[in-house]
N, C-alpha and C. Protein backbone atom coordinates (compact mmCIF):
# COMPACT_ATOMS: atom_id res chain seq x y z
N MET A 1 0.84 -1.20 0.00
CA MET A 1 0.00 0.00 0.00
C MET A 1 0.87 1.24 0.00
N PHE A 2 0.56 2.18 -0.87
CA PHE A 2 1.35 3.39 -1.06
C PHE A 2 1.33 4.28 0.19
N PHE A 3 0.21 4.40 0.82
CA PHE A 3 0.04 5.28 1.98
C PHE A 3 -0.39 4.42 3.16
N GLY A 4 0.58 3.71 3.74
CA GLY A 4 0.30 2.74 4.79
C GLY A 4 0.14 3.37 6.16
N PRO A 5 -0.02 2.53 7.18
CA PRO A 5 -0.23 3.00 8.55
C PRO A 5 0.93 3.86 9.07
N GLN A 6 2.15 3.52 8.68
CA GLN A 6 3.30 4.31 9.13
C GLN A 6 3.21 5.74 8.59
N SER A 7 2.78 5.87 7.35
CA SER A 7 2.65 7.20 6.76
C SER A 7 1.60 8.03 7.49
N TRP A 8 0.50 7.38 7.87
CA TRP A 8 -0.55 8.09 8.62
C TRP A 8 -0.02 8.56 9.97
N ILE A 9 0.76 7.71 10.63
CA ILE A 9 1.31 8.08 11.94
C ILE A 9 2.23 9.28 11.80
N ILE A 10 3.11 9.24 10.80
CA ILE A 10 4.02 10.37 10.57
C ILE A 10 3.23 11.63 10.25
N PHE A 11 2.22 11.50 9.41
CA PHE A 11 1.38 12.64 9.04
C PHE A 11 0.69 13.23 10.26
N ILE A 12 0.11 12.40 11.09
CA ILE A 12 -0.61 12.87 12.28
C ILE A 12 0.34 13.52 13.28
N VAL A 13 1.52 12.91 13.50
CA VAL A 13 2.50 13.49 14.42
C VAL A 13 2.99 14.84 13.90
N ALA A 14 3.29 14.92 12.60
CA ALA A 14 3.76 16.18 12.02
C ALA A 14 2.69 17.27 12.15
N MET A 15 1.45 16.93 11.85
CA MET A 15 0.36 17.91 11.98
C MET A 15 0.20 18.34 13.43
N GLY A 16 0.27 17.38 14.35
CA GLY A 16 0.14 17.69 15.78
C GLY A 16 1.24 18.62 16.26
N LEU A 17 2.48 18.34 15.85
CA LEU A 17 3.59 19.21 16.25
C LEU A 17 3.43 20.61 15.67
N GLY A 18 2.98 20.69 14.44
CA GLY A 18 2.74 21.99 13.82
C GLY A 18 1.68 22.78 14.57
N LEU A 19 0.60 22.12 14.93
CA LEU A 19 -0.49 22.79 15.66
C LEU A 19 -0.04 23.21 17.06
N LEU A 20 0.74 22.36 17.73
CA LEU A 20 1.24 22.71 19.06
C LEU A 20 2.18 23.91 18.99
N THR A 21 3.04 23.94 18.00
CA THR A 21 3.96 25.06 17.84
C THR A 21 3.21 26.35 17.59
N GLN A 22 2.24 26.30 16.69
CA GLN A 22 1.45 27.49 16.38
C GLN A 22 0.68 27.97 17.61
N SER A 23 0.15 27.04 18.38
CA SER A 23 -0.58 27.37 19.59
C SER A 23 0.35 28.05 20.61
N TYR A 24 1.57 27.54 20.73
CA TYR A 24 2.53 28.12 21.66
C TYR A 24 2.89 29.55 21.27
N VAL A 25 3.15 29.78 19.98
CA VAL A 25 3.50 31.11 19.50
C VAL A 25 2.35 32.08 19.76
N ASN A 26 1.13 31.68 19.43
CA ASN A 26 -0.03 32.55 19.65
C ASN A 26 -0.24 32.84 21.13
N SER A 27 -0.04 31.84 21.98
CA SER A 27 -0.20 32.01 23.42
C SER A 27 0.85 32.98 23.98
N ALA A 28 2.09 32.83 23.57
CA ALA A 28 3.16 33.72 24.03
C ALA A 28 2.90 35.15 23.56
N TYR A 29 2.42 35.29 22.33
CA TYR A 29 2.12 36.62 21.80
C TYR A 29 0.99 37.27 22.61
N ARG A 30 -0.06 36.49 22.91
CA ARG A 30 -1.18 37.04 23.69
C ARG A 30 -0.72 37.48 25.08
N ARG A 31 0.11 36.65 25.74
CA ARG A 31 0.61 37.00 27.08
C ARG A 31 1.43 38.29 27.04
N SER A 32 2.33 38.37 26.06
CA SER A 32 3.21 39.54 25.97
C SER A 32 2.47 40.79 25.50
N SER A 33 1.32 40.61 24.87
CA SER A 33 0.53 41.75 24.41
C SER A 33 -0.09 42.52 25.57
N LYS A 34 -0.12 41.91 26.74
CA LYS A 34 -0.73 42.56 27.91
C LYS A 34 0.26 43.48 28.62
N GLN A 35 1.54 43.38 28.30
CA GLN A 35 2.56 44.21 28.94
C GLN A 35 2.82 45.44 28.08
N GLN A 36 2.37 46.57 28.55
CA GLN A 36 2.42 47.82 27.78
C GLN A 36 3.82 48.44 27.78
N LEU A 37 4.11 49.13 26.68
CA LEU A 37 5.35 49.89 26.53
C LEU A 37 5.09 51.34 26.94
N PRO A 38 6.15 52.14 27.09
CA PRO A 38 5.94 53.57 27.36
C PRO A 38 5.12 54.20 26.25
N PRO A 39 4.42 55.28 26.56
CA PRO A 39 3.59 55.96 25.54
C PRO A 39 4.41 56.33 24.30
N ASN A 40 3.77 56.27 23.15
CA ASN A 40 4.35 56.62 21.86
C ASN A 40 5.45 55.67 21.39
N LEU A 41 5.63 54.54 22.05
CA LEU A 41 6.62 53.56 21.61
C LEU A 41 5.86 52.36 21.03
N THR A 42 5.75 52.34 19.73
CA THR A 42 5.02 51.27 19.04
C THR A 42 6.03 50.28 18.43
N GLY A 43 5.50 49.21 17.87
CA GLY A 43 6.35 48.25 17.18
C GLY A 43 7.12 48.90 16.05
N ALA A 44 6.44 49.77 15.29
CA ALA A 44 7.10 50.47 14.18
C ALA A 44 8.24 51.35 14.70
N ALA A 45 8.02 52.02 15.83
CA ALA A 45 9.06 52.89 16.40
C ALA A 45 10.25 52.06 16.88
N VAL A 46 9.99 50.90 17.47
CA VAL A 46 11.07 50.02 17.91
C VAL A 46 11.88 49.54 16.71
N ALA A 47 11.18 49.12 15.66
CA ALA A 47 11.87 48.66 14.45
C ALA A 47 12.74 49.78 13.87
N ARG A 48 12.20 51.00 13.82
CA ARG A 48 12.96 52.13 13.28
C ARG A 48 14.22 52.37 14.10
N ARG A 49 14.09 52.29 15.43
CA ARG A 49 15.26 52.50 16.31
C ARG A 49 16.34 51.45 16.06
N VAL A 50 15.92 50.18 15.93
CA VAL A 50 16.88 49.10 15.68
C VAL A 50 17.55 49.31 14.32
N LEU A 51 16.75 49.59 13.31
CA LEU A 51 17.30 49.79 11.97
C LEU A 51 18.28 50.98 11.95
N ASP A 52 17.89 52.08 12.57
CA ASP A 52 18.75 53.26 12.59
C ASP A 52 20.04 52.99 13.36
N ALA A 53 19.95 52.24 14.46
CA ALA A 53 21.14 51.90 15.24
C ALA A 53 22.12 51.05 14.43
N GLU A 54 21.59 50.32 13.46
CA GLU A 54 22.43 49.49 12.58
C GLU A 54 22.84 50.24 11.32
N GLY A 55 22.47 51.52 11.21
CA GLY A 55 22.81 52.31 10.04
C GLY A 55 21.96 51.97 8.82
N LEU A 56 20.81 51.38 9.04
CA LEU A 56 19.94 50.95 7.94
C LEU A 56 18.80 51.96 7.75
N HIS A 57 19.15 53.21 7.56
CA HIS A 57 18.17 54.28 7.40
C HIS A 57 17.35 54.13 6.12
N GLN A 58 17.90 53.44 5.13
CA GLN A 58 17.22 53.27 3.84
C GLN A 58 16.16 52.18 3.87
N VAL A 59 16.13 51.34 4.90
CA VAL A 59 15.13 50.28 4.98
C VAL A 59 13.79 50.89 5.40
N GLY A 60 12.76 50.67 4.59
CA GLY A 60 11.44 51.20 4.90
C GLY A 60 10.67 50.30 5.84
N ILE A 61 9.62 50.84 6.41
CA ILE A 61 8.73 50.09 7.30
C ILE A 61 7.31 50.34 6.81
N GLU A 62 6.60 49.26 6.53
CA GLU A 62 5.21 49.34 6.04
C GLU A 62 4.31 48.46 6.88
N MET A 63 3.03 48.80 6.88
CA MET A 63 2.03 47.96 7.52
C MET A 63 1.51 46.97 6.49
N THR A 64 1.30 45.73 6.93
CA THR A 64 0.80 44.68 6.04
C THR A 64 -0.40 44.01 6.69
N PRO A 65 -1.36 43.54 5.90
CA PRO A 65 -2.55 42.92 6.50
C PRO A 65 -2.23 41.56 7.13
N GLY A 66 -3.11 41.14 8.01
CA GLY A 66 -2.99 39.82 8.63
C GLY A 66 -2.49 39.89 10.06
N LYS A 67 -2.42 38.73 10.67
CA LYS A 67 -1.93 38.62 12.04
C LYS A 67 -0.64 37.81 12.03
N LEU A 68 0.39 38.37 12.61
CA LEU A 68 1.72 37.75 12.64
C LEU A 68 2.20 37.41 11.23
N THR A 69 2.00 38.34 10.31
CA THR A 69 2.46 38.20 8.93
C THR A 69 3.73 39.03 8.71
N ASP A 70 4.40 39.38 9.79
CA ASP A 70 5.55 40.27 9.77
C ASP A 70 6.74 39.60 9.07
N HIS A 71 7.45 40.39 8.27
CA HIS A 71 8.63 39.86 7.59
C HIS A 71 9.46 40.99 7.00
N PHE A 72 10.72 40.67 6.72
CA PHE A 72 11.60 41.59 6.01
C PHE A 72 11.67 41.11 4.57
N ASP A 73 11.42 42.03 3.64
CA ASP A 73 11.48 41.72 2.21
C ASP A 73 12.76 42.33 1.65
N PRO A 74 13.79 41.49 1.42
CA PRO A 74 15.06 42.04 0.94
C PRO A 74 14.99 42.57 -0.48
N ARG A 75 14.07 42.07 -1.28
CA ARG A 75 13.95 42.55 -2.67
C ARG A 75 13.47 44.00 -2.70
N ALA A 76 12.53 44.33 -1.81
CA ALA A 76 12.00 45.70 -1.75
C ALA A 76 12.72 46.54 -0.69
N ASN A 77 13.59 45.89 0.09
CA ASN A 77 14.31 46.54 1.19
C ASN A 77 13.33 47.22 2.15
N VAL A 78 12.32 46.45 2.57
CA VAL A 78 11.29 46.99 3.44
C VAL A 78 10.91 45.96 4.50
N LEU A 79 10.64 46.49 5.69
CA LEU A 79 10.16 45.68 6.80
C LEU A 79 8.65 45.79 6.79
N ARG A 80 7.95 44.66 6.69
CA ARG A 80 6.48 44.69 6.68
C ARG A 80 5.98 44.14 8.02
N LEU A 81 5.24 44.98 8.72
CA LEU A 81 4.73 44.62 10.04
C LEU A 81 3.21 44.56 9.99
N SER A 82 2.65 43.51 10.61
CA SER A 82 1.19 43.41 10.68
C SER A 82 0.66 44.59 11.50
N GLU A 83 -0.61 44.89 11.32
CA GLU A 83 -1.18 46.09 11.94
C GLU A 83 -0.99 46.10 13.45
N ASP A 84 -1.21 44.97 14.11
CA ASP A 84 -1.07 44.92 15.57
C ASP A 84 0.37 45.17 16.00
N VAL A 85 1.32 44.70 15.24
CA VAL A 85 2.73 44.93 15.57
C VAL A 85 3.12 46.36 15.21
N TYR A 86 2.70 46.83 14.07
CA TYR A 86 3.04 48.18 13.61
C TYR A 86 2.54 49.24 14.60
N ARG A 87 1.28 49.13 14.98
CA ARG A 87 0.67 50.14 15.86
C ARG A 87 0.72 49.78 17.34
N GLY A 88 1.02 48.54 17.64
CA GLY A 88 0.96 48.04 19.02
C GLY A 88 2.00 48.68 19.92
N ALA A 89 1.56 49.06 21.11
CA ALA A 89 2.45 49.64 22.11
C ALA A 89 2.59 48.65 23.26
N HIS A 90 2.94 47.42 22.92
CA HIS A 90 3.08 46.37 23.93
C HIS A 90 4.35 45.57 23.66
N LEU A 91 4.74 44.78 24.64
CA LEU A 91 5.98 44.03 24.58
C LEU A 91 6.04 43.08 23.38
N ALA A 92 4.94 42.43 23.05
CA ALA A 92 4.93 41.50 21.92
C ALA A 92 5.23 42.23 20.62
N ALA A 93 4.64 43.40 20.42
CA ALA A 93 4.89 44.18 19.21
C ALA A 93 6.36 44.57 19.12
N ALA A 94 6.93 45.01 20.24
CA ALA A 94 8.34 45.40 20.25
C ALA A 94 9.24 44.22 19.93
N GLY A 95 8.93 43.06 20.50
CA GLY A 95 9.74 41.87 20.25
C GLY A 95 9.70 41.42 18.80
N VAL A 96 8.51 41.37 18.23
CA VAL A 96 8.36 40.95 16.84
C VAL A 96 9.04 41.95 15.91
N ALA A 97 8.83 43.24 16.16
CA ALA A 97 9.41 44.27 15.31
C ALA A 97 10.95 44.24 15.38
N ALA A 98 11.50 44.10 16.58
CA ALA A 98 12.96 44.02 16.73
C ALA A 98 13.51 42.77 16.05
N HIS A 99 12.78 41.67 16.16
CA HIS A 99 13.20 40.42 15.50
C HIS A 99 13.28 40.61 13.99
N GLU A 100 12.26 41.20 13.41
CA GLU A 100 12.25 41.41 11.97
C GLU A 100 13.32 42.41 11.54
N ALA A 101 13.54 43.43 12.34
CA ALA A 101 14.62 44.38 12.05
C ALA A 101 15.97 43.67 12.09
N GLY A 102 16.08 42.69 12.96
CA GLY A 102 17.30 41.88 13.03
C GLY A 102 17.56 41.13 11.72
N HIS A 103 16.48 40.67 11.07
CA HIS A 103 16.65 40.01 9.76
C HIS A 103 17.22 41.00 8.74
N ALA A 104 16.77 42.24 8.79
CA ALA A 104 17.29 43.27 7.87
C ALA A 104 18.77 43.51 8.14
N ALA A 105 19.15 43.55 9.42
CA ALA A 105 20.55 43.75 9.78
C ALA A 105 21.41 42.58 9.31
N GLN A 106 20.89 41.37 9.48
CA GLN A 106 21.62 40.18 9.01
C GLN A 106 21.80 40.24 7.50
N HIS A 107 20.76 40.65 6.80
CA HIS A 107 20.83 40.75 5.34
C HIS A 107 21.89 41.78 4.93
N ALA A 108 21.90 42.91 5.60
CA ALA A 108 22.86 43.97 5.28
C ALA A 108 24.30 43.52 5.55
N ASP A 109 24.48 42.69 6.57
CA ASP A 109 25.82 42.19 6.91
C ASP A 109 26.25 41.03 6.02
N GLY A 110 25.33 40.49 5.22
CA GLY A 110 25.66 39.35 4.37
C GLY A 110 25.84 38.06 5.17
N PHE A 111 25.17 37.95 6.30
CA PHE A 111 25.25 36.78 7.19
C PHE A 111 24.81 35.54 6.42
N ALA A 112 25.72 34.56 6.27
CA ALA A 112 25.48 33.39 5.42
C ALA A 112 24.21 32.61 5.77
N PRO A 113 23.96 32.28 7.04
CA PRO A 113 22.72 31.56 7.34
C PRO A 113 21.47 32.36 6.97
N ALA A 114 21.54 33.69 7.10
CA ALA A 114 20.39 34.51 6.72
C ALA A 114 20.20 34.49 5.21
N ARG A 115 21.31 34.49 4.45
CA ARG A 115 21.20 34.39 2.99
C ARG A 115 20.57 33.07 2.59
N LEU A 116 20.98 31.98 3.25
CA LEU A 116 20.39 30.67 2.97
C LEU A 116 18.90 30.68 3.30
N ARG A 117 18.55 31.23 4.45
CA ARG A 117 17.14 31.31 4.85
C ARG A 117 16.33 32.09 3.83
N MET A 118 16.85 33.23 3.41
CA MET A 118 16.13 34.07 2.45
C MET A 118 15.95 33.36 1.11
N SER A 119 16.94 32.54 0.72
CA SER A 119 16.82 31.83 -0.55
C SER A 119 15.78 30.71 -0.47
N LEU A 120 15.51 30.22 0.74
CA LEU A 120 14.54 29.14 0.92
C LEU A 120 13.11 29.65 1.11
N VAL A 121 12.94 30.94 1.39
CA VAL A 121 11.61 31.49 1.64
C VAL A 121 10.64 31.25 0.48
N PRO A 122 11.02 31.51 -0.78
CA PRO A 122 10.06 31.25 -1.87
C PRO A 122 9.63 29.79 -1.95
N VAL A 123 10.55 28.88 -1.73
CA VAL A 123 10.23 27.45 -1.76
C VAL A 123 9.28 27.10 -0.60
N ALA A 124 9.57 27.64 0.58
CA ALA A 124 8.71 27.39 1.74
C ALA A 124 7.32 27.95 1.52
N ASN A 125 7.24 29.15 0.95
CA ASN A 125 5.93 29.75 0.67
C ASN A 125 5.14 28.91 -0.33
N LEU A 126 5.82 28.44 -1.36
CA LEU A 126 5.15 27.59 -2.35
C LEU A 126 4.64 26.31 -1.68
N GLY A 127 5.48 25.72 -0.84
CA GLY A 127 5.07 24.50 -0.14
C GLY A 127 3.89 24.70 0.78
N SER A 128 3.89 25.82 1.51
CA SER A 128 2.79 26.05 2.44
C SER A 128 1.49 26.37 1.71
N GLN A 129 1.60 27.02 0.55
CA GLN A 129 0.39 27.35 -0.21
C GLN A 129 -0.15 26.14 -0.97
N SER A 130 0.74 25.30 -1.47
CA SER A 130 0.29 24.15 -2.26
C SER A 130 0.22 22.87 -1.45
N GLY A 131 0.63 22.92 -0.18
CA GLY A 131 0.65 21.73 0.66
C GLY A 131 -0.66 20.96 0.72
N PRO A 132 -1.78 21.62 1.05
CA PRO A 132 -3.05 20.89 1.13
C PRO A 132 -3.42 20.22 -0.20
N LEU A 133 -3.18 20.91 -1.29
CA LEU A 133 -3.48 20.32 -2.59
C LEU A 133 -2.59 19.10 -2.85
N LEU A 134 -1.31 19.20 -2.51
CA LEU A 134 -0.39 18.08 -2.72
C LEU A 134 -0.77 16.88 -1.86
N VAL A 135 -1.24 17.13 -0.64
CA VAL A 135 -1.69 16.03 0.21
C VAL A 135 -2.88 15.32 -0.42
N MET A 136 -3.82 16.11 -0.93
CA MET A 136 -5.00 15.51 -1.57
C MET A 136 -4.60 14.70 -2.81
N VAL A 137 -3.72 15.27 -3.63
CA VAL A 137 -3.25 14.56 -4.83
C VAL A 137 -2.53 13.28 -4.43
N GLY A 138 -1.70 13.38 -3.40
CA GLY A 138 -0.97 12.20 -2.92
C GLY A 138 -1.91 11.12 -2.43
N LEU A 139 -2.92 11.52 -1.68
CA LEU A 139 -3.89 10.54 -1.20
C LEU A 139 -4.63 9.90 -2.37
N PHE A 140 -5.03 10.72 -3.33
CA PHE A 140 -5.75 10.21 -4.49
C PHE A 140 -4.88 9.24 -5.28
N LEU A 141 -3.65 9.65 -5.55
CA LEU A 141 -2.75 8.78 -6.32
C LEU A 141 -2.40 7.52 -5.55
N GLY A 142 -2.24 7.67 -4.24
CA GLY A 142 -1.93 6.49 -3.41
C GLY A 142 -3.05 5.49 -3.43
N TYR A 143 -4.28 5.97 -3.21
CA TYR A 143 -5.42 5.06 -3.23
C TYR A 143 -5.71 4.59 -4.65
N GLY A 144 -5.45 5.47 -5.63
CA GLY A 144 -5.67 5.08 -7.02
C GLY A 144 -4.77 3.93 -7.41
N SER A 145 -3.50 3.99 -7.01
CA SER A 145 -2.59 2.91 -7.37
C SER A 145 -2.96 1.64 -6.61
N THR A 146 -3.44 1.78 -5.36
CA THR A 146 -3.88 0.61 -4.61
C THR A 146 -5.09 -0.02 -5.28
N PHE A 147 -6.03 0.84 -5.72
CA PHE A 147 -7.23 0.34 -6.38
C PHE A 147 -6.88 -0.37 -7.68
N SER A 148 -5.96 0.20 -8.48
CA SER A 148 -5.61 -0.45 -9.74
C SER A 148 -4.86 -1.75 -9.48
N THR A 149 -4.06 -1.81 -8.41
CA THR A 149 -3.38 -3.06 -8.06
C THR A 149 -4.41 -4.12 -7.69
N MET A 150 -5.44 -3.71 -6.94
CA MET A 150 -6.48 -4.68 -6.56
C MET A 150 -7.20 -5.20 -7.79
N LEU A 151 -7.45 -4.34 -8.77
CA LEU A 151 -8.11 -4.78 -9.99
C LEU A 151 -7.25 -5.79 -10.74
N MET A 152 -5.94 -5.57 -10.78
CA MET A 152 -5.04 -6.49 -11.50
C MET A 152 -4.99 -7.84 -10.82
N VAL A 153 -5.00 -7.83 -9.49
CA VAL A 153 -4.94 -9.09 -8.74
C VAL A 153 -6.19 -9.92 -8.98
N HIS A 154 -7.33 -9.32 -9.13
CA HIS A 154 -8.59 -10.05 -9.26
C HIS A 154 -8.89 -10.48 -10.68
N ARG A 155 -8.07 -10.16 -11.63
CA ARG A 155 -8.32 -10.55 -13.02
C ARG A 155 -7.95 -11.98 -13.27
């Protein structure tokens, strides 16, 4: 069988670990969102301070839709922060913004692991967007080949 019991176990464990990780990140973000920063210190302001301290005055900062969709885009040389991080005056916003500004600093320094990570982002995005479709195709092809094998055996 193409998609046997071992494959199901691996699939279920992988999905479970992914869900647990996502749950942990969201929980930590919610907890840190309750700790307020000084007035007028938002995620965008923290990112700007980090970028300026690194001499990266040319890196722009933009707001992007979604929740925790924050990222540094090296092609456009811009830091994109989700609305809650961009406008947020809480510890979670500062942490996420500083983290993303750190990616810009790594890129500017030519840090090899950051270059490798950036080169893998398009592949990872493609995989995450097409993943559900590929799973369905895999299941269909797996069961299809099992079904055709059963037909051959019964002839």
